[in-house]
Amino acid sequence: MSVDRTIFDSAKGSPVMRMVLFIAVVANSADLLATALGIHYYGNREGNPLLADLAHNHWWLFVMVKGLLVPLLIVRLNSYRKGSPVLATAGIILVTIVLTVAVGQWVGWIAARQYLANLTGL
């Protein structure tokens, strides 16, 4: 079995890794939007225990952390690909998967909540 080494290229990266980086940043933004909708419109709670207090008690600080700091950390992780290509690439892929799953869970929860509200007339 041969490993495609193109995803472990230099920090400039392959088109595949640039797309993964883009998806990670977009998924983070979608997660922030879904979190805002879930908390403020549907009364849900933030599931990440590290960010829950910020999301519920310090909303603007949460938005700054989630909307500015997290994307900068994702880009910083990408910059580590030059020195540690396998570890940093695996980290970016993991972050992308986790954020995509989080967005999917939010969207599924919101859709189910809206469907049941419409069904029951709430």
C-alpha atoms as a PDB file:
ATOM      1  CA  MET A   1       0.000   0.000   0.000  1.00  0.00           C
ATOM      2  CA  SER A   2       1.457   3.308  -1.092  1.00  0.00           C
ATOM      3  CA  VAL A   3       0.859   6.582   0.765  1.00  0.00           C
ATOM      4  CA  ASP A   4       0.134   9.642  -1.336  1.00  0.00           C
ATOM      5  CA  ARG A   5       2.865  12.005  -0.140  1.00  0.00           C
ATOM      6  CA  THR A   6       1.348  15.027  -1.892  1.00  0.00           C
ATOM      7  CA  ILE A   7      -0.772  15.891   1.143  1.00  0.00           C
ATOM      8  CA  PHE A   8       2.422  16.145   3.211  1.00  0.00           C
ATOM      9  CA  ASP A   9       4.052  18.733   0.916  1.00  0.00           C
ATOM     10  CA  SER A  10       5.608  21.928   2.194  1.00  0.00           C
ATOM     11  CA  ALA A  11       3.727  24.587   4.126  1.00  0.00           C
ATOM     12  CA  LYS A  12       2.378  25.981   0.852  1.00  0.00           C
ATOM     13  CA  GLY A  13       0.615  22.663   0.549  1.00  0.00           C
ATOM     14  CA  SER A  14      -1.161  20.749  -2.077  1.00  0.00           C
ATOM     15  CA  PRO A  15      -4.525  21.819  -3.458  1.00  0.00           C
ATOM     16  CA  VAL A  16      -6.116  19.095  -1.334  1.00  0.00           C
ATOM     17  CA  MET A  17      -4.673  20.502   1.904  1.00  0.00           C
ATOM     18  CA  ARG A  18      -5.590  24.064   0.947  1.00  0.00           C
ATOM     19  CA  MET A  19      -9.157  22.818   0.467  1.00  0.00           C
ATOM     20  CA  VAL A  20      -9.093  21.031   3.844  1.00  0.00           C
ATOM     21  CA  LEU A  21      -7.830  24.223   5.504  1.00  0.00           C
ATOM     22  CA  PHE A  22     -10.586  26.238   3.809  1.00  0.00           C
ATOM     23  CA  ILE A  23     -13.233  23.703   4.892  1.00  0.00           C
ATOM     24  CA  ALA A  24     -11.947  23.839   8.494  1.00  0.00           C
ATOM     25  CA  VAL A  25     -12.290  27.626   8.632  1.00  0.00           C
ATOM     26  CA  VAL A  26     -15.721  27.589   6.949  1.00  0.00           C
ATOM     27  CA  ALA A  27     -16.912  24.774   9.247  1.00  0.00           C
ATOM     28  CA  ASN A  28     -15.798  26.824  12.267  1.00  0.00           C
ATOM     29  CA  SER A  29     -17.801  29.806  10.990  1.00  0.00           C
ATOM     30  CA  ALA A  30     -20.847  27.603  10.352  1.00  0.00           C
ATOM     31  CA  ASP A  31     -20.484  26.162  13.858  1.00  0.00           C
ATOM     32  CA  LEU A  32     -20.439  29.684  15.323  1.00  0.00           C
ATOM     33  CA  LEU A  33     -23.572  30.577  13.360  1.00  0.00           C
ATOM     34  CA  ALA A  34     -25.360  27.368  14.379  1.00  0.00           C
ATOM     35  CA  THR A  35     -24.298  27.895  18.002  1.00  0.00           C
ATOM     36  CA  ALA A  36     -25.711  31.421  17.974  1.00  0.00           C
ATOM     37  CA  LEU A  37     -28.971  30.207  16.470  1.00  0.00           C
ATOM     38  CA  GLY A  38     -29.212  27.261  18.860  1.00  0.00           C
ATOM     39  CA  ILE A  39     -28.494  29.267  21.996  1.00  0.00           C
ATOM     40  CA  HIS A  40     -30.372  32.490  21.293  1.00  0.00           C
ATOM     41  CA  TYR A  41     -33.313  31.288  19.227  1.00  0.00           C
ATOM     42  CA  TYR A  42     -33.896  27.760  20.534  1.00  0.00           C
ATOM     43  CA  GLY A  43     -32.546  28.041  24.085  1.00  0.00           C
ATOM     44  CA  ASN A  44     -29.990  25.253  23.707  1.00  0.00           C
ATOM     45  CA  ARG A  45     -26.662  25.011  25.563  1.00  0.00           C
ATOM     46  CA  GLU A  46     -23.090  25.038  24.245  1.00  0.00           C
ATOM     47  CA  GLY A  47     -21.796  21.466  24.235  1.00  0.00           C
ATOM     48  CA  ASN A  48     -18.089  22.266  24.523  1.00  0.00           C
ATOM     49  CA  PRO A  49     -17.319  22.496  28.258  1.00  0.00           C
ATOM     50  CA  LEU A  50     -14.302  24.727  27.558  1.00  0.00           C
ATOM     51  CA  LEU A  51     -16.468  27.324  25.792  1.00  0.00           C
ATOM     52  CA  ALA A  52     -19.825  26.842  27.554  1.00  0.00           C
ATOM     53  CA  ASP A  53     -19.310  29.531  30.192  1.00  0.00           C
ATOM     54  CA  LEU A  54     -18.213  32.033  27.562  1.00  0.00           C
ATOM     55  CA  ALA A  55     -21.127  31.169  25.278  1.00  0.00           C
ATOM     56  CA  HIS A  56     -23.742  31.668  27.973  1.00  0.00           C
ATOM     57  CA  ASN A  57     -22.290  34.419  30.144  1.00  0.00           C
ATOM     58  CA  HIS A  58     -19.907  36.390  27.929  1.00  0.00           C
ATOM     59  CA  TRP A  59     -21.364  36.174  24.432  1.00  0.00           C
ATOM     60  CA  TRP A  60     -19.126  38.748  22.712  1.00  0.00           C
ATOM     61  CA  LEU A  61     -15.994  37.173  24.175  1.00  0.00           C
ATOM     62  CA  PHE A  62     -17.228  33.779  22.928  1.00  0.00           C
ATOM     63  CA  VAL A  63     -17.729  35.242  19.444  1.00  0.00           C
ATOM     64  CA  MET A  64     -14.223  36.704  19.488  1.00  0.00           C
ATOM     65  CA  VAL A  65     -12.671  33.408  20.621  1.00  0.00           C
ATOM     66  CA  LYS A  66     -14.693  31.224  18.255  1.00  0.00           C
ATOM     67  CA  GLY A  67     -14.764  33.652  15.346  1.00  0.00           C
ATOM     68  CA  LEU A  68     -11.230  35.059  15.478  1.00  0.00           C
ATOM     69  CA  LEU A  69      -8.942  32.997  17.695  1.00  0.00           C
ATOM     70  CA  VAL A  70      -9.963  29.520  16.497  1.00  0.00           C
ATOM     71  CA  PRO A  71      -9.458  30.319  12.770  1.00  0.00           C
ATOM     72  CA  LEU A  72      -6.068  31.862  13.602  1.00  0.00           C
ATOM     73  CA  LEU A  73      -5.122  28.699  15.503  1.00  0.00           C
ATOM     74  CA  ILE A  74      -6.213  26.582  12.522  1.00  0.00           C
ATOM     75  CA  VAL A  75      -4.013  28.658  10.197  1.00  0.00           C
ATOM     76  CA  ARG A  76      -1.167  28.444  12.727  1.00  0.00           C
ATOM     77  CA  LEU A  77      -1.506  24.651  12.788  1.00  0.00           C
ATOM     78  CA  ASN A  78      -1.237  24.707   9.005  1.00  0.00           C
ATOM     79  CA  SER A  79       2.011  26.679   9.263  1.00  0.00           C
ATOM     80  CA  TYR A  80       3.513  23.833  11.322  1.00  0.00           C
ATOM     81  CA  ARG A  81       3.213  21.540   8.298  1.00  0.00           C
ATOM     82  CA  LYS A  82       6.658  22.630   7.110  1.00  0.00           C
ATOM     83  CA  GLY A  83       8.429  21.373  10.245  1.00  0.00           C
ATOM     84  CA  SER A  84       6.189  18.434  11.132  1.00  0.00           C
ATOM     85  CA  PRO A  85       4.167  17.560   8.040  1.00  0.00           C
ATOM     86  CA  VAL A  86       2.573  14.314   9.189  1.00  0.00           C
ATOM     87  CA  LEU A  87       1.512  15.479  12.655  1.00  0.00           C
ATOM     88  CA  ALA A  88       0.278  18.915  11.552  1.00  0.00           C
ATOM     89  CA  THR A  89      -1.567  17.474   8.543  1.00  0.00           C
ATOM     90  CA  ALA A  90      -3.252  14.894  10.757  1.00  0.00           C
ATOM     91  CA  GLY A  91      -4.193  17.693  13.175  1.00  0.00           C
ATOM     92  CA  ILE A  92      -5.769  19.814  10.440  1.00  0.00           C
ATOM     93  CA  ILE A  93      -7.694  16.824   9.114  1.00  0.00           C
ATOM     94  CA  LEU A  94      -8.899  15.974  12.648  1.00  0.00           C
ATOM     95  CA  VAL A  95      -9.983  19.575  13.320  1.00  0.00           C
ATOM     96  CA  THR A  96     -11.868  19.636  10.010  1.00  0.00           C
ATOM     97  CA  ILE A  97     -13.666  16.371  10.778  1.00  0.00           C
ATOM     98  CA  VAL A  98     -14.588  17.440  14.320  1.00  0.00           C
ATOM     99  CA  LEU A  99     -15.926  20.827  13.203  1.00  0.00           C
ATOM    100  CA  THR A 100     -17.884  19.262  10.340  1.00  0.00           C
ATOM    101  CA  VAL A 101     -19.464  16.725  12.709  1.00  0.00           C
ATOM    102  CA  ALA A 102     -20.305  19.515  15.186  1.00  0.00           C
ATOM    103  CA  VAL A 103     -22.039  21.522  12.463  1.00  0.00           C
ATOM    104  CA  GLY A 104     -23.932  18.423  11.342  1.00  0.00           C
ATOM    105  CA  GLN A 105     -25.115  17.777  14.883  1.00  0.00           C
ATOM    106  CA  TRP A 106     -26.249  21.388  15.305  1.00  0.00           C
ATOM    107  CA  VAL A 107     -28.096  21.396  11.986  1.00  0.00           C
ATOM    108  CA  GLY A 108     -29.735  18.055  12.784  1.00  0.00           C
ATOM    109  CA  TRP A 109     -30.779  19.228  16.242  1.00  0.00           C
ATOM    110  CA  ILE A 110     -32.157  22.516  14.924  1.00  0.00           C
ATOM    111  CA  ALA A 111     -34.058  20.754  12.127  1.00  0.00           C
ATOM    112  CA  ALA A 112     -35.547  18.209  14.543  1.00  0.00           C
ATOM    113  CA  ARG A 113     -36.479  20.942  17.024  1.00  0.00           C
ATOM    114  CA  GLN A 114     -38.136  23.023  14.290  1.00  0.00           C
ATOM    115  CA  TYR A 115     -39.945  19.990  12.866  1.00  0.00           C
ATOM    116  CA  LEU A 116     -41.331  18.976  16.255  1.00  0.00           C
ATOM    117  CA  ALA A 117     -42.317  22.575  17.046  1.00  0.00           C
ATOM    118  CA  ASN A 118     -44.239  22.773  13.766  1.00  0.00           C
ATOM    119  CA  LEU A 119     -45.780  19.344  14.330  1.00  0.00           C
ATOM    120  CA  THR A 120     -46.995  20.132  17.841  1.00  0.00           C
ATOM    121  CA  GLY A 121     -47.832  23.760  17.185  1.00  0.00           C
ATOM    122  CA  LEU A 122     -45.329  25.128  19.719  1.00  0.00           C
END
